[in-house]
Every structure is written in C-alpha cells, then in structure tokens.
C-alpha cells in the first residue's frame, strides 16, 4: 500500500520545523522590546509548531501499515540504529558548538 501524500507532508513538516527553529532562534537570541514584533514572531513560531506532530503521524502511518511486517529485531537493527547514528552525527556536534559559543559569548 503506497500512501501518495506522505512525501508532500514530509516536505511541509520539514519546512515547518526549519522555520520553527529560525523563529525560536530570533526570539531567544535577543531582547525584543517592540510588542508588535514580539507578538508577530510568537505567532509565527506557534503557527509553525504543527510540523512536529505531523512527523509523528507520518511515522505512525508508515510503521503501523498492516501490509508491512516489522518485527522487533528489524525495528532495533534498522530504525533505532539510524536514529542513533543521526543523533551522533548531527546532535553531538551541535551540542558541542552550542556549549562552546555559549561560553565564549558570556552565556549561562
């Protein structure tokens, strides 16, 4: 069973998460005193948060497909391994970069 709209949802959710992180960075990076600007950025940020549950729903639709048998062993070997690899490749360097720059910039 092929679900035709999954790729479109993935693209939409990916863009939403990118825009969400961009707006969160703008809100957290500096003190915004103009209430209109702060309100606009907050609305933008909260509007883009739909992407996170969409990713969870896409995962559920793909994992719970009744025509595809995914055993516990396959789940751990294939999917958990990919998630762990992505966290090591992307998450660890970003954590180190953030720690380095927060100490350099006089952050907490």
Protein backbone atom coordinates (compact mmCIF):
# COMPACT_ATOMS: atom_id res chain seq x y z
CA UNK A 1 0.00 0.00 0.00
CA UNK A 2 1.54 3.28 -1.08
CA UNK A 3 0.39 6.49 0.54
CA UNK A 4 0.80 9.17 -2.12
CA UNK A 5 0.62 12.27 0.04
CA UNK A 6 3.32 11.23 2.57
CA UNK A 7 6.15 12.93 0.64
CA UNK A 8 4.19 16.18 0.43
CA UNK A 9 3.52 16.03 4.17
CA UNK A 10 7.21 15.36 4.84
CA UNK A 11 8.22 18.41 2.81
CA UNK A 12 5.66 20.61 4.55
CA UNK A 13 6.65 19.34 8.01
CA UNK A 14 10.36 19.75 7.25
CA UNK A 15 9.90 23.36 6.18
CA UNK A 16 7.75 23.97 9.23
CA UNK A 17 10.44 22.65 11.59
CA UNK A 18 13.15 24.72 9.86
CA UNK A 19 11.00 27.85 10.16
CA UNK A 20 10.19 26.94 13.77
CA UNK A 21 13.86 26.75 14.70
CA UNK A 22 14.55 30.00 12.87
CA UNK A 23 11.86 31.89 14.74
CA UNK A 24 12.87 30.33 18.07
CA UNK A 25 16.43 31.49 17.42
CA UNK A 26 15.24 35.01 16.73
CA UNK A 27 13.12 35.10 19.87
CA UNK A 28 15.82 33.65 22.12
CA UNK A 29 18.84 35.45 20.68
CA UNK A 30 17.98 38.99 21.64
CA UNK A 31 15.72 41.08 23.78
CA UNK A 32 12.78 42.28 21.72
CA UNK A 33 11.20 45.37 23.21
CA UNK A 34 8.70 46.16 20.47
CA UNK A 35 5.49 44.35 21.40
CA UNK A 36 4.27 44.17 17.81
CA UNK A 37 7.47 42.47 16.67
CA UNK A 38 7.42 40.10 19.64
CA UNK A 39 3.76 39.25 19.01
CA UNK A 40 4.40 38.67 15.30
CA UNK A 41 7.38 36.39 15.93
CA UNK A 42 5.48 34.48 18.61
CA UNK A 43 2.52 33.94 16.26
CA UNK A 44 4.91 32.82 13.53
CA UNK A 45 6.65 30.41 15.92
CA UNK A 46 3.45 28.85 17.25
CA UNK A 47 1.95 28.58 13.78
CA UNK A 48 4.94 26.50 12.65
CA UNK A 49 4.72 24.02 15.54
CA UNK A 50 2.31 21.80 13.62
CA UNK A 51 5.29 20.16 11.89
CA UNK A 52 6.40 18.15 14.92
CA UNK A 53 3.11 16.22 15.38
CA UNK A 54 2.92 15.75 11.60
CA UNK A 55 6.26 13.88 11.72
CA UNK A 56 4.90 11.66 14.50
CA UNK A 57 1.75 10.95 12.48
CA UNK A 58 3.81 10.12 9.37
CA UNK A 59 5.91 7.69 11.43
CA UNK A 60 2.77 6.06 12.78
CA UNK A 61 1.25 5.74 9.31
CA UNK A 62 4.40 4.07 7.99
CA UNK A 63 5.13 1.81 10.98
CA UNK A 64 1.54 0.71 11.50
CA UNK A 65 0.96 -0.23 7.87
CA UNK A 66 -0.84 -3.61 8.11
CA UNK A 67 0.65 -4.88 4.83
CA UNK A 68 4.22 -4.43 6.10
CA UNK A 69 5.52 -6.72 8.82
CA UNK A 70 8.09 -5.03 11.08
CA UNK A 71 9.42 -7.31 13.79
CA UNK A 72 11.11 -6.25 16.98
CA UNK A 73 14.56 -7.31 15.75
CA UNK A 74 14.24 -5.43 12.47
CA UNK A 75 12.97 -2.39 14.34
CA UNK A 76 16.08 -2.29 16.56
CA UNK A 77 18.58 -3.19 13.84
CA UNK A 78 17.30 -0.80 11.21
CA UNK A 79 15.35 2.08 12.69
CA UNK A 80 16.92 2.61 16.12
CA UNK A 81 20.37 2.32 14.55
CA UNK A 82 19.51 5.11 12.06
CA UNK A 83 18.13 7.38 14.77
CA UNK A 84 21.19 6.85 16.98
CA UNK A 85 23.51 7.50 14.04
CA UNK A 86 21.70 10.74 13.18
CA UNK A 87 21.94 11.89 16.80
CA UNK A 88 25.68 11.19 16.89
CA UNK A 89 26.38 12.81 13.51
CA UNK A 90 24.22 15.91 13.95
CA UNK A 91 23.25 16.19 17.62
CA UNK A 92 26.63 15.77 19.27
CA UNK A 93 28.48 18.35 17.12
CA UNK A 94 25.62 20.85 17.54
CA UNK A 95 25.69 20.33 21.30
CA UNK A 96 29.44 20.91 21.37
CA UNK A 97 29.18 24.01 19.16
CA UNK A 98 26.40 25.45 21.32
CA UNK A 99 28.37 24.78 24.50
CA UNK A 100 31.49 26.38 23.04
CA UNK A 101 29.74 29.52 21.80
CA UNK A 102 27.65 29.97 24.94
CA UNK A 103 30.88 30.02 27.00
CA UNK A 104 32.59 32.35 24.52
CA UNK A 105 29.64 34.72 24.34
CA UNK A 106 29.26 35.03 28.10
CA UNK A 107 26.04 32.99 28.20
CA UNK A 108 24.83 30.97 31.16
